[in-house]
Amino acid sequence: MLKLVSGGESADGLALSFGDLLRYHREQAGLTRMELAAQTGLAYQGIVQIEKGGSTPSLQTLRLLRKVEALRPFLQAVGTPTYRTGLRSVRSDSSALSVNGEGP
C-alpha cells in the first residue's frame, strides 16, 4: 500500500541518507561544514560530498567524525560496520547447505 504524506505526495523516496542525517545533526550542533572539517581533520569538500550523497564515508572517516562530541550520539546510533576475515562457521546439522554436492 502506498503511504501518502501531507499534500498527497508519496512517502516513497523520503528515506534519509547518511549524508542527510550528518548534515541535520551537524546543524543541530551549531557547526558549519568548515568547523566540522577543522575539528575532524577532514577536508571541507569531503564533508560536502558526504552530505550531498556523492561519497560514502570510510571507516576512518567515521572514526574522525566521532571525535566531535556533539555527533557521537548520532554516530553511535548509526553504528560502525565491522569487517571480518574468513568465513562464518556453518551449522553441522541437516539444515546446512552442501558443498559440491556433498552433505554436511
N, C-alpha and C. Protein backbone atom coordinates (compact mmCIF):
# COMPACT_ATOMS: atom_id res chain seq x y z
N MET A 1 0.84 -1.17 0.00
CA MET A 1 0.00 0.00 0.00
C MET A 1 0.89 1.24 0.00
N LEU A 2 0.57 2.19 -0.80
CA LEU A 2 1.33 3.42 -0.92
C LEU A 2 0.89 4.39 0.17
N LYS A 3 1.84 4.86 0.97
CA LYS A 3 1.52 5.81 2.03
C LYS A 3 1.71 7.22 1.50
N LEU A 4 0.85 8.11 1.95
CA LEU A 4 0.91 9.49 1.50
C LEU A 4 1.27 10.40 2.66
N VAL A 5 1.99 11.45 2.36
CA VAL A 5 2.30 12.47 3.36
C VAL A 5 1.47 13.70 3.03
N SER A 6 1.56 14.74 3.85
CA SER A 6 0.73 15.92 3.63
C SER A 6 0.87 16.42 2.20
N GLY A 7 -0.23 16.88 1.66
CA GLY A 7 -0.23 17.37 0.29
C GLY A 7 -0.45 16.25 -0.72
N GLY A 8 -0.67 15.02 -0.25
CA GLY A 8 -0.93 13.90 -1.15
C GLY A 8 0.30 13.34 -1.83
N GLU A 9 1.49 13.75 -1.39
CA GLU A 9 2.72 13.23 -2.00
C GLU A 9 3.01 11.83 -1.50
N SER A 10 3.66 11.05 -2.33
CA SER A 10 4.07 9.71 -1.95
C SER A 10 5.19 9.78 -0.92
N ALA A 11 5.15 8.86 0.06
CA ALA A 11 6.21 8.79 1.06
C ALA A 11 7.42 8.04 0.53
N ASP A 12 7.29 7.40 -0.62
CA ASP A 12 8.43 6.70 -1.21
C ASP A 12 9.53 7.71 -1.52
N GLY A 13 10.75 7.34 -1.28
CA GLY A 13 11.88 8.21 -1.59
C GLY A 13 12.18 9.23 -0.51
N LEU A 14 11.48 9.15 0.62
CA LEU A 14 11.73 10.10 1.69
C LEU A 14 12.77 9.58 2.69
N ALA A 15 13.30 8.42 2.46
CA ALA A 15 14.32 7.89 3.36
C ALA A 15 15.53 8.80 3.34
N LEU A 16 16.08 9.03 4.52
CA LEU A 16 17.23 9.92 4.63
C LEU A 16 18.51 9.13 4.48
N SER A 17 19.46 9.70 3.80
CA SER A 17 20.76 9.07 3.64
C SER A 17 21.64 9.43 4.83
N PHE A 18 22.79 8.78 4.93
CA PHE A 18 23.75 9.11 5.98
C PHE A 18 24.13 10.59 5.88
N GLY A 19 24.34 11.07 4.67
CA GLY A 19 24.72 12.46 4.47
C GLY A 19 23.65 13.43 4.95
N ASP A 20 22.37 13.10 4.68
CA ASP A 20 21.27 13.93 5.16
C ASP A 20 21.27 14.00 6.68
N LEU A 21 21.47 12.84 7.31
CA LEU A 21 21.48 12.78 8.77
C LEU A 21 22.69 13.50 9.35
N LEU A 22 23.84 13.35 8.71
CA LEU A 22 25.02 14.04 9.18
C LEU A 22 24.80 15.55 9.12
N ARG A 23 24.27 16.03 8.02
CA ARG A 23 24.01 17.46 7.87
C ARG A 23 23.04 17.95 8.95
N TYR A 24 21.97 17.19 9.18
CA TYR A 24 20.97 17.56 10.19
C TYR A 24 21.63 17.67 11.57
N HIS A 25 22.38 16.65 11.96
CA HIS A 25 22.99 16.64 13.29
C HIS A 25 24.11 17.68 13.41
N ARG A 26 24.83 17.92 12.34
CA ARG A 26 25.85 18.97 12.35
C ARG A 26 25.19 20.33 12.58
N GLU A 27 24.11 20.59 11.86
CA GLU A 27 23.40 21.86 12.01
C GLU A 27 22.78 21.98 13.40
N GLN A 28 22.23 20.89 13.93
CA GLN A 28 21.67 20.91 15.27
C GLN A 28 22.73 21.23 16.32
N ALA A 29 23.96 20.79 16.04
CA ALA A 29 25.08 21.06 16.95
C ALA A 29 25.62 22.48 16.77
N GLY A 30 25.09 23.21 15.78
CA GLY A 30 25.52 24.58 15.53
C GLY A 30 26.88 24.67 14.85
N LEU A 31 27.25 23.63 14.13
CA LEU A 31 28.54 23.60 13.44
C LEU A 31 28.39 23.88 11.96
N THR A 32 29.31 24.64 11.42
CA THR A 32 29.38 24.81 9.98
C THR A 32 30.21 23.64 9.42
N ARG A 33 30.16 23.49 8.12
CA ARG A 33 31.00 22.46 7.50
C ARG A 33 32.48 22.74 7.75
N MET A 34 32.85 24.00 7.69
CA MET A 34 34.24 24.38 7.92
C MET A 34 34.67 24.03 9.35
N GLU A 35 33.81 24.29 10.31
CA GLU A 35 34.12 23.95 11.70
C GLU A 35 34.24 22.44 11.89
N LEU A 36 33.35 21.70 11.25
CA LEU A 36 33.42 20.23 11.33
C LEU A 36 34.72 19.73 10.70
N ALA A 37 35.09 20.30 9.60
CA ALA A 37 36.35 19.92 8.96
C ALA A 37 37.53 20.19 9.88
N ALA A 38 37.53 21.34 10.53
CA ALA A 38 38.63 21.69 11.42
C ALA A 38 38.70 20.76 12.63
N GLN A 39 37.55 20.38 13.16
CA GLN A 39 37.52 19.52 14.35
C GLN A 39 37.90 18.08 14.05
N THR A 40 37.68 17.64 12.83
CA THR A 40 37.93 16.24 12.48
C THR A 40 39.21 16.03 11.69
N GLY A 41 39.70 17.08 11.04
CA GLY A 41 40.84 16.92 10.16
C GLY A 41 40.45 16.45 8.77
N LEU A 42 39.15 16.39 8.51
CA LEU A 42 38.66 16.02 7.17
C LEU A 42 38.66 17.24 6.27
N ALA A 43 38.72 17.01 5.00
CA ALA A 43 38.66 18.11 4.03
C ALA A 43 37.24 18.65 3.96
N TYR A 44 37.12 19.95 3.83
CA TYR A 44 35.82 20.60 3.69
C TYR A 44 35.03 19.97 2.55
N GLN A 45 35.68 19.79 1.39
CA GLN A 45 35.00 19.21 0.22
C GLN A 45 34.57 17.77 0.49
N GLY A 46 35.31 17.05 1.31
CA GLY A 46 34.91 15.69 1.68
C GLY A 46 33.60 15.68 2.44
N ILE A 47 33.45 16.62 3.36
CA ILE A 47 32.21 16.73 4.12
C ILE A 47 31.06 17.11 3.20
N VAL A 48 31.31 18.04 2.29
CA VAL A 48 30.29 18.43 1.31
C VAL A 48 29.84 17.21 0.52
N GLN A 49 30.78 16.41 0.04
CA GLN A 49 30.45 15.23 -0.77
C GLN A 49 29.64 14.22 0.02
N ILE A 50 29.99 13.99 1.28
CA ILE A 50 29.23 13.05 2.12
C ILE A 50 27.81 13.56 2.31
N GLU A 51 27.69 14.83 2.67
CA GLU A 51 26.36 15.40 2.94
C GLU A 51 25.48 15.42 1.70
N LYS A 52 26.06 15.57 0.54
CA LYS A 52 25.27 15.61 -0.70
C LYS A 52 25.05 14.21 -1.28
N GLY A 53 25.60 13.19 -0.63
CA GLY A 53 25.40 11.83 -1.10
C GLY A 53 26.34 11.41 -2.20
N GLY A 54 27.33 12.21 -2.50
CA GLY A 54 28.28 11.89 -3.56
C GLY A 54 29.41 10.99 -3.11
N SER A 55 29.47 10.72 -1.81
CA SER A 55 30.55 9.92 -1.27
C SER A 55 30.06 9.16 -0.05
N THR A 56 30.50 7.94 0.09
CA THR A 56 30.18 7.13 1.26
C THR A 56 31.37 7.22 2.21
N PRO A 57 31.11 7.54 3.49
CA PRO A 57 32.23 7.68 4.41
C PRO A 57 32.93 6.35 4.68
N SER A 58 34.24 6.42 4.74
CA SER A 58 35.02 5.23 5.06
C SER A 58 34.99 5.00 6.57
N LEU A 59 35.49 3.87 7.00
CA LEU A 59 35.58 3.57 8.42
C LEU A 59 36.44 4.61 9.12
N GLN A 60 37.54 5.01 8.48
CA GLN A 60 38.42 6.04 9.06
C GLN A 60 37.69 7.37 9.19
N THR A 61 36.89 7.72 8.20
CA THR A 61 36.12 8.97 8.26
C THR A 61 35.13 8.93 9.41
N LEU A 62 34.46 7.80 9.60
CA LEU A 62 33.53 7.67 10.73
C LEU A 62 34.25 7.83 12.05
N ARG A 63 35.44 7.28 12.15
CA ARG A 63 36.22 7.43 13.38
C ARG A 63 36.57 8.90 13.63
N LEU A 64 36.93 9.61 12.58
CA LEU A 64 37.25 11.03 12.73
C LEU A 64 36.01 11.84 13.11
N LEU A 65 34.87 11.51 12.55
CA LEU A 65 33.64 12.20 12.89
C LEU A 65 33.26 11.97 14.35
N ARG A 66 33.60 10.81 14.88
CA ARG A 66 33.29 10.52 16.29
C ARG A 66 34.10 11.37 17.25
N LYS A 67 35.12 12.05 16.76
CA LYS A 67 35.88 12.97 17.61
C LYS A 67 35.01 14.13 18.08
N VAL A 68 33.99 14.44 17.32
CA VAL A 68 33.13 15.58 17.61
C VAL A 68 32.06 15.14 18.61
N GLU A 69 32.18 15.66 19.81
CA GLU A 69 31.29 15.27 20.92
C GLU A 69 29.82 15.35 20.54
N ALA A 70 29.42 16.43 19.88
CA ALA A 70 28.02 16.65 19.54
C ALA A 70 27.47 15.62 18.56
N LEU A 71 28.34 14.96 17.79
CA LEU A 71 27.88 13.98 16.80
C LEU A 71 27.90 12.55 17.33
N ARG A 72 28.51 12.33 18.48
CA ARG A 72 28.66 10.96 18.98
C ARG A 72 27.35 10.20 19.14
N PRO A 73 26.30 10.80 19.74
CA PRO A 73 25.05 10.03 19.87
C PRO A 73 24.50 9.57 18.52
N PHE A 74 24.55 10.44 17.53
CA PHE A 74 24.08 10.08 16.19
C PHE A 74 24.93 8.96 15.61
N LEU A 75 26.23 9.08 15.70
CA LEU A 75 27.12 8.09 15.11
C LEU A 75 27.06 6.76 15.85
N GLN A 76 26.81 6.77 17.15
CA GLN A 76 26.66 5.52 17.88
C GLN A 76 25.36 4.84 17.48
N ALA A 77 24.32 5.64 17.22
CA ALA A 77 23.05 5.06 16.78
C ALA A 77 23.18 4.43 15.40
N VAL A 78 23.99 5.05 14.54
CA VAL A 78 24.22 4.51 13.20
C VAL A 78 25.02 3.23 13.29
N GLY A 79 25.98 3.20 14.21
CA GLY A 79 26.85 2.04 14.35
C GLY A 79 28.02 2.11 13.39
N THR A 80 28.96 1.25 13.62
CA THR A 80 30.15 1.19 12.78
C THR A 80 30.19 -0.18 12.15
N PRO A 81 30.35 -0.25 10.85
CA PRO A 81 30.43 -1.57 10.23
C PRO A 81 31.65 -2.32 10.73
N THR A 82 31.50 -3.60 10.86
CA THR A 82 32.63 -4.42 11.27
C THR A 82 33.09 -5.23 10.08
N TYR A 83 34.37 -5.42 9.99
CA TYR A 83 34.94 -6.17 8.89
C TYR A 83 35.59 -7.41 9.46
N ARG A 84 35.23 -8.54 8.93
CA ARG A 84 35.78 -9.81 9.42
C ARG A 84 36.54 -10.49 8.31
N THR A 85 37.48 -11.27 8.71
CA THR A 85 38.18 -12.09 7.73
C THR A 85 37.72 -13.51 7.88
N GLY A 86 37.84 -14.25 6.86
CA GLY A 86 37.42 -15.65 6.92
C GLY A 86 35.92 -15.78 6.72
N LEU A 87 35.44 -16.99 6.89
CA LEU A 87 34.04 -17.30 6.68
C LEU A 87 33.36 -17.59 8.00
N ARG A 88 32.06 -17.35 8.04
CA ARG A 88 31.29 -17.73 9.21
C ARG A 88 31.24 -19.24 9.27
N SER A 89 31.14 -19.75 10.47
CA SER A 89 31.01 -21.20 10.59
C SER A 89 29.60 -21.61 10.15
N VAL A 90 29.48 -22.74 9.58
CA VAL A 90 28.21 -23.26 9.10
C VAL A 90 27.77 -24.35 10.05
N ARG A 91 26.49 -24.32 10.42
CA ARG A 91 25.97 -25.34 11.33
C ARG A 91 26.19 -26.71 10.71
N SER A 92 26.47 -27.68 11.54
CA SER A 92 26.74 -29.01 11.01
C SER A 92 25.52 -29.91 11.07
N ASP A 93 24.32 -29.36 11.28
CA ASP A 93 23.12 -30.20 11.27
C ASP A 93 22.59 -30.35 9.85
N SER A 94 21.50 -31.02 9.70
CA SER A 94 20.97 -31.34 8.37
C SER A 94 20.48 -30.12 7.62
N SER A 95 20.31 -28.98 8.28
CA SER A 95 19.84 -27.80 7.58
C SER A 95 20.97 -27.04 6.89
N ALA A 96 22.20 -27.45 7.12
CA ALA A 96 23.34 -26.78 6.49
C ALA A 96 23.36 -27.10 5.01
N LEU A 97 23.85 -26.16 4.21
CA LEU A 97 23.94 -26.37 2.77
C LEU A 97 25.08 -27.30 2.46
N SER A 98 24.91 -28.06 1.41
CA SER A 98 26.01 -28.93 1.00
C SER A 98 26.97 -28.15 0.10
N VAL A 99 28.20 -28.61 0.04
CA VAL A 99 29.21 -28.00 -0.78
C VAL A 99 29.65 -29.04 -1.82
N ASN A 100 29.60 -28.68 -3.09
CA ASN A 100 29.96 -29.58 -4.18
C ASN A 100 29.18 -30.89 -4.15
N GLY A 101 27.91 -30.80 -3.77
CA GLY A 101 27.07 -31.99 -3.76
C GLY A 101 27.28 -32.88 -2.56
N GLU A 102 28.18 -32.54 -1.69
CA GLU A 102 28.44 -33.35 -0.50
C GLU A 102 27.65 -32.75 0.67
N GLY A 103 27.09 -33.60 1.48
CA GLY A 103 26.33 -33.16 2.65
C GLY A 103 27.26 -32.72 3.76
N PRO A 104 26.66 -32.21 4.84
CA PRO A 104 27.46 -31.75 5.98
C PRO A 104 28.14 -32.88 6.71
